[in-house]
Amino acid sequence: MSTLDDRPLRILAADDSAVMRGIMWKLFQMHAEERSGELPRMELCGVAQDGIDCLESVKRLAPDVLVLDLEMPRLNGLEVLHRLRVENPSLPVIMCSSYTEHGARSTLEALASGASDYVTKPAEQRDFASAMVSLSKQLLPRIAALAKGARQREVSADKESSPAKRPALQSAEAPAKAALPVEVVVIGLSTGGPTALEQLLPKLPGDFAVPILIVQHMPKLFTGALAERLDKICKLHVREAYENAVIRPGTVWLAPGDAHMEIGPSNGLMEKQDASVAGRNGRVRLHQREPLNHCKPAVDYLFFSAARMFGASAMALVMTGMGADGLDGARAVHARGGTVLAQDEASSAVWGMPGKVTEAGIASATLSLGAMAEALNKRVNAGRLTKLNAVPLATSATAPHREMTDGCL
């Protein structure tokens, strides 16, 4: 596959619904006629009506990206995906899911089985105009990002073991010079995030010393199902966040898909206090402000609140995902002396969010997904060992506690 050739990206769609196949044909036809410079050229090279037809079409048409329905005759989407991960493991696959509880759970299973991302089917498929607007916003940017990411991973695969690259990453893996211990970990993800979390969180011990809060770009039904799925495979307790939930070690709070999540003090006041007190009194705060960075929930809201509450004791992880949500919040964490880590390009489904942070020069380390848990454990445990010798935050880090003036908050 090559997305750098002077040709349109070739998309194959598999769906047993004649209505959906018609919508897909029209969508790509309209994109070809009205395309702006923001997205590459794309064409629907074919459609498949069932799972067997899909597998045969992949071999015959060699698409750059497959859009795959979950419910199909002969072979369903999950069965097709399992075959493709053996026969064509590098092909990006976007699942097309119904916005139902069953659809959410099946989609998460597909992501865990190797799907790259998902979109939700339009609720009213017979309204062509509304359906195409919905799919256009969801689908086309994902196709472009995943095709670009797949191509970049192919190009950079041989460079990962080069002597020129390794020392830079190793030298960056030394954020432990900070005097203050880590008191909270905040994580932001988007495309590829559920799979990344399924690899990261189970590696953390049940007695992980600090609370973890996560913003994953997903709709409400999906975040609830994801929290349940992660809770089953982790030693830590993973819960979908709710208003006023207590932030404490041993629990991971996942932002619900219909609200922004922040960290706030239990008394509602942002008085100066050392980070350990902030951690004991911290509560989840949810709100319904407008989307930020076109996202709700938005990573930036969580990161800004962590910087306000914890200053130099905050650690932010920016992981796989499209766009730049989390960049401004990571800057705030960095400015207040906290630690910022970013996922590397090779292990990211899309190196948008972590790429922006790395390019901005605010990441203490840019790490592979496989190295992330070890880095977290090392940094948090090191902080515990030095805590007795640390100077209280209220006297040693006055600057990080000045009121933030960012216009987003």
Protein backbone atom coordinates (compact mmCIF):
# COMPACT_ATOMS: atom_id res chain seq x y z
CA MET A 1 0.00 0.00 0.00
CA SER A 2 1.20 3.51 -0.77
CA THR A 3 -0.57 6.68 0.18
CA LEU A 4 2.14 8.83 -1.32
CA ASP A 5 1.47 7.84 -4.91
CA ASP A 6 -0.23 10.38 -7.13
CA ARG A 7 -3.51 8.48 -7.02
CA PRO A 8 -6.64 8.46 -4.87
CA LEU A 9 -6.80 6.35 -1.73
CA ARG A 10 -8.74 3.18 -2.56
CA ILE A 11 -11.53 2.37 -0.11
CA LEU A 12 -13.48 -0.90 0.09
CA ALA A 13 -16.79 -0.89 1.99
CA ALA A 14 -18.46 -4.08 3.24
CA ASP A 15 -22.08 -3.82 4.36
CA ASP A 16 -25.12 -6.04 3.79
CA SER A 17 -27.45 -3.02 3.73
CA ALA A 18 -28.19 -1.79 0.21
CA VAL A 19 -29.06 1.60 1.73
CA MET A 20 -25.66 1.91 3.39
CA ARG A 21 -23.85 0.81 0.25
CA GLY A 22 -25.75 3.50 -1.66
CA ILE A 23 -24.79 6.11 0.94
CA MET A 24 -21.14 5.09 0.67
CA TRP A 25 -21.12 5.36 -3.13
CA LYS A 26 -22.69 8.81 -2.96
CA LEU A 27 -20.37 9.94 -0.16
CA PHE A 28 -17.19 9.25 -2.11
CA GLN A 29 -18.67 10.60 -5.30
CA MET A 30 -19.45 13.88 -3.54
CA HIS A 31 -16.00 13.95 -1.96
CA ALA A 32 -14.40 13.59 -5.40
CA GLU A 33 -16.52 16.41 -6.79
CA GLU A 34 -16.25 18.83 -3.85
CA ARG A 35 -12.92 17.91 -2.30
CA SER A 36 -11.04 20.63 -0.43
CA GLY A 37 -7.29 20.62 0.02
CA GLU A 38 -7.55 19.34 3.60
CA LEU A 39 -8.12 15.71 2.68
CA PRO A 40 -6.45 13.51 0.06
CA ARG A 41 -8.29 12.17 -2.95
CA MET A 42 -10.33 9.06 -2.21
CA GLU A 43 -12.40 6.66 -4.25
CA LEU A 44 -14.67 3.77 -3.40
CA CYS A 45 -13.01 0.99 -5.34
CA GLY A 46 -15.72 -1.53 -4.47
CA VAL A 47 -18.44 -2.72 -2.12
CA ALA A 48 -19.05 -6.13 -0.60
CA GLN A 49 -22.38 -7.56 0.55
CA ASP A 50 -21.17 -10.15 3.05
CA GLY A 51 -18.07 -11.44 4.79
CA ILE A 52 -16.96 -13.92 2.14
CA ASP A 53 -17.41 -11.32 -0.58
CA CYS A 54 -15.36 -8.89 1.53
CA LEU A 55 -12.37 -11.22 1.87
CA GLU A 56 -12.40 -11.96 -1.85
CA SER A 57 -12.67 -8.25 -2.68
CA VAL A 58 -9.69 -7.41 -0.45
CA LYS A 59 -7.55 -9.85 -2.42
CA ARG A 60 -8.85 -8.68 -5.77
CA LEU A 61 -8.94 -4.91 -5.25
CA ALA A 62 -6.03 -4.34 -2.79
CA PRO A 63 -7.69 -1.39 -1.00
CA ASP A 64 -5.79 1.08 1.16
CA VAL A 65 -8.51 1.08 3.84
CA LEU A 66 -11.46 -1.23 4.56
CA VAL A 67 -14.72 0.04 6.09
CA LEU A 68 -16.29 -3.05 7.64
CA ASP A 69 -19.83 -3.61 8.96
CA LEU A 70 -20.18 -5.67 12.12
CA GLU A 71 -23.38 -7.55 11.24
CA MET A 72 -23.19 -9.40 7.90
CA PRO A 73 -24.25 -12.81 6.56
CA ARG A 74 -21.92 -15.76 5.92
CA LEU A 75 -19.07 -14.16 7.91
CA ASN A 76 -19.72 -11.28 10.31
CA GLY A 77 -17.37 -8.37 10.77
CA LEU A 78 -15.45 -9.93 13.66
CA GLU A 79 -14.90 -13.16 11.75
CA VAL A 80 -13.69 -11.22 8.71
CA LEU A 81 -11.37 -9.19 10.92
CA HIS A 82 -9.83 -12.30 12.46
CA ARG A 83 -9.08 -13.67 8.99
CA LEU A 84 -7.64 -10.37 7.80
CA ARG A 85 -5.27 -10.03 10.75
CA VAL A 86 -3.65 -13.25 9.52
CA GLU A 87 -3.91 -12.73 5.78
CA ASN A 88 -3.44 -8.96 5.56
CA PRO A 89 -2.33 -7.62 8.97
CA SER A 90 -1.23 -4.18 7.74
CA LEU A 91 -4.57 -3.23 6.16
CA PRO A 92 -6.28 -0.47 8.22
CA VAL A 93 -9.83 -1.49 9.10
CA ILE A 94 -12.53 0.91 10.27
CA MET A 95 -15.54 -0.79 11.85
CA CYS A 96 -18.99 0.59 11.07
CA SER A 97 -21.01 0.22 14.28
CA SER A 98 -24.60 0.81 15.31
CA TYR A 99 -25.03 3.25 18.19
CA THR A 100 -26.36 0.65 20.61
CA GLU A 101 -25.04 -1.10 23.71
CA HIS A 102 -24.55 -4.28 21.69
CA GLY A 103 -22.84 -2.32 18.94
CA ALA A 104 -20.52 -0.67 21.46
CA ARG A 105 -19.44 -3.97 22.99
CA SER A 106 -18.94 -5.60 19.59
CA THR A 107 -16.93 -2.61 18.43
CA LEU A 108 -14.61 -2.80 21.44
CA GLU A 109 -14.09 -6.49 20.75
CA ALA A 110 -13.23 -5.62 17.15
CA LEU A 111 -10.74 -2.97 18.27
CA ALA A 112 -9.12 -5.48 20.62
CA SER A 113 -8.92 -7.92 17.68
CA GLY A 114 -7.01 -5.52 15.47
CA ALA A 115 -9.43 -3.01 13.99
CA SER A 116 -7.85 0.43 13.63
CA ASP A 117 -10.87 2.58 14.47
CA TYR A 118 -14.64 2.77 14.18
CA VAL A 119 -17.48 5.05 13.09
CA THR A 120 -21.11 4.92 14.15
CA LYS A 121 -23.78 4.39 11.52
CA PRO A 122 -26.18 7.28 10.91
CA ALA A 123 -29.32 6.82 12.98
CA GLU A 124 -31.55 7.69 10.02
CA GLN A 125 -29.99 5.97 7.03
CA ARG A 126 -32.91 6.85 4.77
CA ASP A 127 -32.17 10.55 5.17
CA PHE A 128 -29.32 10.61 2.65
CA ALA A 129 -28.34 14.21 3.34
CA SER A 130 -28.05 13.78 7.12
CA ALA A 131 -26.38 10.39 6.76
CA MET A 132 -23.71 11.73 4.44
CA VAL A 133 -22.98 14.75 6.65
CA SER A 134 -22.57 12.43 9.66
CA LEU A 135 -20.39 9.92 7.81
CA SER A 136 -18.35 12.60 6.10
CA LYS A 137 -17.36 14.16 9.43
CA GLN A 138 -16.58 10.81 11.03
CA LEU A 139 -15.22 8.68 8.24
CA LEU A 140 -13.19 10.72 5.78
CA PRO A 141 -10.69 12.21 8.27
CA ARG A 142 -10.16 8.77 9.82
CA ILE A 143 -9.46 7.20 6.44
CA ALA A 144 -6.91 9.90 5.64
CA ALA A 145 -5.19 9.64 9.03
CA LEU A 146 -5.04 5.85 9.13
CA ALA A 147 -3.78 5.54 5.56
CA LYS A 148 -1.09 8.14 6.25
CA GLY A 149 -0.12 6.43 9.51
CA ALA A 150 0.13 3.01 7.86
CA ARG A 151 2.39 4.43 5.17
CA GLN A 152 4.60 6.25 7.66
CA ARG A 153 5.03 3.11 9.75
CA GLU A 154 6.13 1.23 6.65
CA VAL A 155 8.66 3.93 5.79
CA SER A 156 9.99 4.30 9.34
CA ALA A 157 10.09 0.60 10.28
CA ASP A 158 13.71 0.23 9.26
CA LYS A 159 14.73 3.37 11.15
CA GLU A 160 13.58 2.27 14.61
CA SER A 161 16.73 0.30 15.36
CA SER A 162 19.12 2.86 13.86
CA PRO A 163 21.85 4.17 16.19
CA ALA A 164 20.87 7.75 15.39
CA LYS A 165 17.38 7.39 16.86
CA ARG A 166 17.91 5.30 19.99
CA PRO A 167 20.14 7.66 22.00
CA ALA A 168 17.62 10.51 21.60
CA LEU A 169 14.81 8.44 23.11
CA GLN A 170 16.98 7.00 25.87
CA SER A 171 18.34 10.37 26.90
CA ALA A 172 14.79 11.70 27.09
CA GLU A 173 13.70 8.98 29.50
CA ALA A 174 14.95 10.80 32.57
CA PRO A 175 12.15 12.89 33.99
CA ALA A 176 12.85 11.67 37.55
CA LYS A 177 15.03 14.68 38.35
CA ALA A 178 11.95 16.53 39.62
CA ALA A 179 12.03 16.87 43.42
CA LEU A 180 8.31 16.46 43.87
CA PRO A 181 6.62 13.05 43.67
CA VAL A 182 3.95 12.34 41.08
CA GLU A 183 0.51 12.58 42.70
CA VAL A 184 -1.77 12.10 39.68
CA VAL A 185 -1.56 10.61 36.18
CA VAL A 186 -3.80 12.00 33.44
CA ILE A 187 -4.05 10.36 30.02
CA GLY A 188 -5.50 11.58 26.72
CA LEU A 189 -6.22 9.37 23.70
CA SER A 190 -8.33 9.19 20.55
CA THR A 191 -7.92 6.94 17.49
CA GLY A 192 -6.35 3.65 18.56
CA GLY A 193 -6.88 4.51 22.22
CA PRO A 194 -8.99 1.55 23.43
CA THR A 195 -6.42 -0.92 22.13
CA ALA A 196 -3.58 1.10 23.67
CA LEU A 197 -5.34 1.17 27.05
CA GLU A 198 -5.87 -2.59 26.91
CA GLN A 199 -2.11 -2.97 26.57
CA LEU A 200 -1.06 -0.31 29.07
CA LEU A 201 -3.38 -0.54 32.08
CA PRO A 202 -3.14 -4.31 32.77
CA LYS A 203 0.62 -3.85 33.26
CA LEU A 204 0.09 -1.50 36.20
CA PRO A 205 -0.07 -3.05 39.70
CA GLY A 206 -3.18 -2.98 41.85
CA ASP A 207 -1.32 -0.89 44.43
CA PHE A 208 -0.29 1.77 41.89
CA ALA A 209 0.37 4.69 44.18
CA VAL A 210 -1.58 7.50 42.51
CA PRO A 211 -4.99 7.97 40.85
CA ILE A 212 -5.35 7.85 37.06
CA LEU A 213 -7.87 9.85 35.02
CA ILE A 214 -8.42 9.27 31.30
CA VAL A 215 -10.12 11.10 28.46
CA GLN A 216 -10.76 8.84 25.48
CA HIS A 217 -12.67 10.36 22.57
CA MET A 218 -15.77 8.12 22.42
CA PRO A 219 -19.55 8.42 22.66
CA LYS A 220 -21.34 7.76 25.96
CA LEU A 221 -22.39 4.14 25.36
CA PHE A 222 -18.87 3.28 24.27
CA THR A 223 -17.07 4.79 27.28
CA GLY A 224 -19.26 2.84 29.69
CA ALA A 225 -18.57 -0.42 27.84
CA LEU A 226 -14.87 0.38 27.65
CA ALA A 227 -14.63 1.01 31.40
CA GLU A 228 -16.32 -2.35 32.09
CA ARG A 229 -14.02 -4.14 29.65
CA LEU A 230 -10.86 -2.60 31.12
CA ASP A 231 -11.98 -3.29 34.69
CA LYS A 232 -12.18 -7.01 33.90
CA ILE A 233 -8.59 -7.22 32.66
CA CYS A 234 -6.86 -4.82 35.07
CA LYS A 235 -5.66 -5.11 38.67
CA LEU A 236 -6.75 -1.51 39.13
CA HIS A 237 -10.44 -0.62 39.40
CA VAL A 238 -11.60 1.09 36.18
CA ARG A 239 -14.82 3.10 36.35
CA GLU A 240 -16.73 5.51 34.16
CA ALA A 241 -16.49 8.84 35.97
CA TYR A 242 -19.42 10.57 37.63
CA GLU A 243 -19.82 13.96 39.28
CA ASN A 244 -18.09 14.29 42.68
CA ALA A 245 -16.38 10.88 42.49
CA VAL A 246 -13.44 10.72 44.91
CA ILE A 247 -10.03 10.59 43.27
CA ARG A 248 -7.87 8.05 45.06
CA PRO A 249 -5.05 5.59 44.29
CA GLY A 250 -6.12 2.23 42.95
CA THR A 251 -8.93 3.63 40.79
CA VAL A 252 -8.91 4.70 37.15
CA TRP A 253 -11.62 7.18 36.14
CA LEU A 254 -12.67 7.25 32.47
CA ALA A 255 -14.48 10.38 31.29
CA PRO A 256 -18.06 9.68 30.11
CA GLY A 257 -18.61 10.29 26.42
CA ASP A 258 -21.14 13.07 26.89
CA ALA A 259 -19.28 15.41 29.30
CA HIS A 260 -15.96 17.12 29.89
CA MET A 261 -14.03 15.89 32.95
CA GLU A 262 -11.84 17.93 35.26
CA ILE A 263 -10.23 17.52 38.67
CA GLY A 264 -11.45 19.85 41.38
CA PRO A 265 -11.06 20.15 45.16
CA SER A 266 -13.83 18.74 47.33
CA ASN A 267 -14.56 22.14 48.88
CA GLY A 268 -14.72 23.88 45.52
CA LEU A 269 -11.86 26.25 46.42
CA MET A 270 -8.47 26.34 44.69
CA GLU A 271 -6.52 27.28 47.82
CA LYS A 272 -2.81 26.56 48.00
CA GLN A 273 -2.09 23.17 49.46
CA ASP A 274 0.56 20.55 49.01
CA ALA A 275 -0.08 17.92 46.36
CA SER A 276 -0.74 15.10 48.82
CA VAL A 277 -3.59 17.09 50.36
CA ALA A 278 -4.90 17.94 46.90
CA GLY A 279 -4.88 14.26 46.04
CA ARG A 280 -6.82 13.30 49.17
CA ASN A 281 -9.42 15.97 48.54
CA GLY A 282 -9.63 15.72 44.76
CA ARG A 283 -13.00 15.08 43.13
CA VAL A 284 -14.23 14.47 39.60
CA ARG A 285 -15.99 17.47 38.10
CA LEU A 286 -18.11 17.02 34.97
CA HIS A 287 -19.56 19.83 32.89
CA GLN A 288 -21.39 20.44 29.65
CA ARG A 289 -19.46 23.28 28.06
CA GLU A 290 -19.16 23.43 24.29
CA PRO A 291 -16.77 20.96 22.58
CA LEU A 292 -13.13 22.00 22.79
CA ASN A 293 -10.87 21.15 19.84
CA HIS A 294 -14.07 19.70 18.30
CA CYS A 295 -14.05 17.13 21.12
CA LYS A 296 -16.34 16.26 24.02
CA PRO A 297 -14.90 15.08 26.28
CA ALA A 298 -11.73 17.09 25.62
CA VAL A 299 -8.29 16.14 26.89
CA ASP A 300 -7.29 19.78 27.38
CA TYR A 301 -9.89 20.34 30.11
CA LEU A 302 -8.53 17.41 32.13
CA PHE A 303 -4.89 18.39 31.64
CA PHE A 304 -5.47 22.05 32.58
CA SER A 305 -7.20 21.01 35.79
CA ALA A 306 -4.37 18.60 36.68
CA ALA A 307 -1.86 21.43 36.19
CA ARG A 308 -3.92 23.74 38.45
CA MET A 309 -4.48 21.18 41.20
CA PHE A 310 -1.16 19.36 41.24
CA GLY A 311 1.43 21.64 39.62
CA ALA A 312 4.79 19.90 39.39
CA SER A 313 3.28 16.69 40.81
CA ALA A 314 1.14 16.06 37.72
CA MET A 315 2.11 13.57 35.02
CA ALA A 316 0.37 13.73 31.63
CA LEU A 317 0.45 11.02 28.95
CA VAL A 318 -0.54 11.93 25.41
CA MET A 319 -1.17 8.80 23.41
CA THR A 320 -2.38 7.72 19.98
CA GLY A 321 -5.01 9.87 18.30
CA MET A 322 -5.91 12.33 15.54
CA GLY A 323 -5.71 16.08 15.92
CA ALA A 324 -4.10 18.20 18.62
CA ASP A 325 -6.40 17.85 21.63
CA GLY A 326 -4.20 17.74 24.73
CA LEU A 327 -1.41 19.91 23.33
CA ASP A 328 -2.35 23.10 25.19
CA GLY A 329 -3.10 21.17 28.37
CA ALA A 330 0.25 19.37 28.14
CA ARG A 331 1.92 22.76 27.76
CA ALA A 332 0.26 23.84 31.02
CA VAL A 333 1.48 20.72 32.84
CA HIS A 334 4.98 21.26 31.47
CA ALA A 335 4.99 24.97 32.37
CA ARG A 336 4.16 24.18 35.97
CA GLY A 337 6.97 21.68 36.31
CA GLY A 338 4.98 18.50 35.71
CA THR A 339 6.03 15.59 33.54
CA VAL A 340 4.71 14.98 30.01
CA LEU A 341 5.15 11.69 28.16
CA ALA A 342 4.16 11.01 24.54
CA GLN A 343 3.61 7.78 22.64
CA ASP A 344 5.97 7.24 19.73
CA GLU A 345 4.97 7.15 16.09
CA ALA A 346 5.74 3.49 15.48
CA SER A 347 3.32 2.23 18.14
CA SER A 348 0.57 4.81 17.51
CA ALA A 349 -2.39 4.07 15.24
CA VAL A 350 -2.28 7.79 14.36
CA TRP A 351 0.58 10.04 15.50
CA GLY A 352 -1.47 13.21 15.67
CA MET A 353 -1.93 14.11 19.34
CA PRO A 354 1.37 12.65 20.61
CA GLY A 355 3.19 13.92 17.53
CA LYS A 356 2.12 17.51 18.24
CA VAL A 357 3.38 17.23 21.82
CA THR A 358 6.69 15.74 20.74
CA GLU A 359 7.19 18.34 18.03
CA ALA A 360 6.44 21.12 20.55
CA GLY A 361 9.41 19.96 22.63
CA ILE A 362 7.45 19.55 25.87
CA ALA A 363 7.63 15.75 26.21
CA SER A 364 10.16 14.48 28.74
CA ALA A 365 10.14 11.25 26.76
CA THR A 366 8.59 9.87 23.59
CA LEU A 367 8.12 6.18 24.29
CA SER A 368 6.76 3.08 22.64
CA LEU A 369 3.50 1.73 24.00
CA GLY A 370 5.38 -1.28 25.33
CA ALA A 371 7.70 0.93 27.40
CA MET A 372 5.00 3.19 28.81
CA ALA A 373 3.94 1.10 31.83
CA GLU A 374 7.52 0.61 32.99
CA ALA A 375 8.17 4.35 32.70
CA LEU A 376 5.03 5.10 34.71
CA ASN A 377 5.91 2.65 37.47
CA LYS A 378 9.49 3.88 37.63
CA ARG A 379 8.61 7.55 37.83
CA VAL A 380 5.78 7.13 40.35
CA ASN A 381 7.81 4.81 42.60
CA ALA A 382 10.82 7.11 42.46
CA GLY A 383 8.59 9.92 43.63
CA ARG A 384 7.45 7.87 46.61
CA LEU A 385 11.06 7.22 47.66
CA THR A 386 11.99 10.89 47.55
CA LYS A 387 8.77 12.21 49.05
CA LEU A 388 10.11 12.56 52.59
CA ASN A 389 12.92 14.76 51.34
CA ALA A 390 10.71 16.86 49.07
CA VAL A 391 10.00 20.48 49.92
CA PRO A 392 6.25 21.14 50.32
CA LEU A 393 4.63 22.28 47.12
CA ALA A 394 3.10 25.40 48.64
CA THR A 395 6.54 26.83 49.46
CA SER A 396 8.75 25.37 46.74
CA ALA A 397 6.54 25.73 43.69
CA THR A 398 4.63 28.93 44.17
CA ALA A 399 4.66 29.78 40.46
CA PRO A 400 2.69 26.72 39.38
CA HIS A 401 -0.16 27.74 41.67
CA ARG A 402 -0.77 31.16 40.16
CA GLU A 403 -4.24 31.28 38.68
CA MET A 404 -4.33 30.08 35.08
CA THR A 405 -5.34 32.60 32.46
CA ASP A 406 -5.93 30.26 29.53
CA GLY A 407 -9.05 31.27 27.67
CA CYS A 408 -10.36 27.68 27.54
CA LEU A 409 -11.16 27.66 31.24
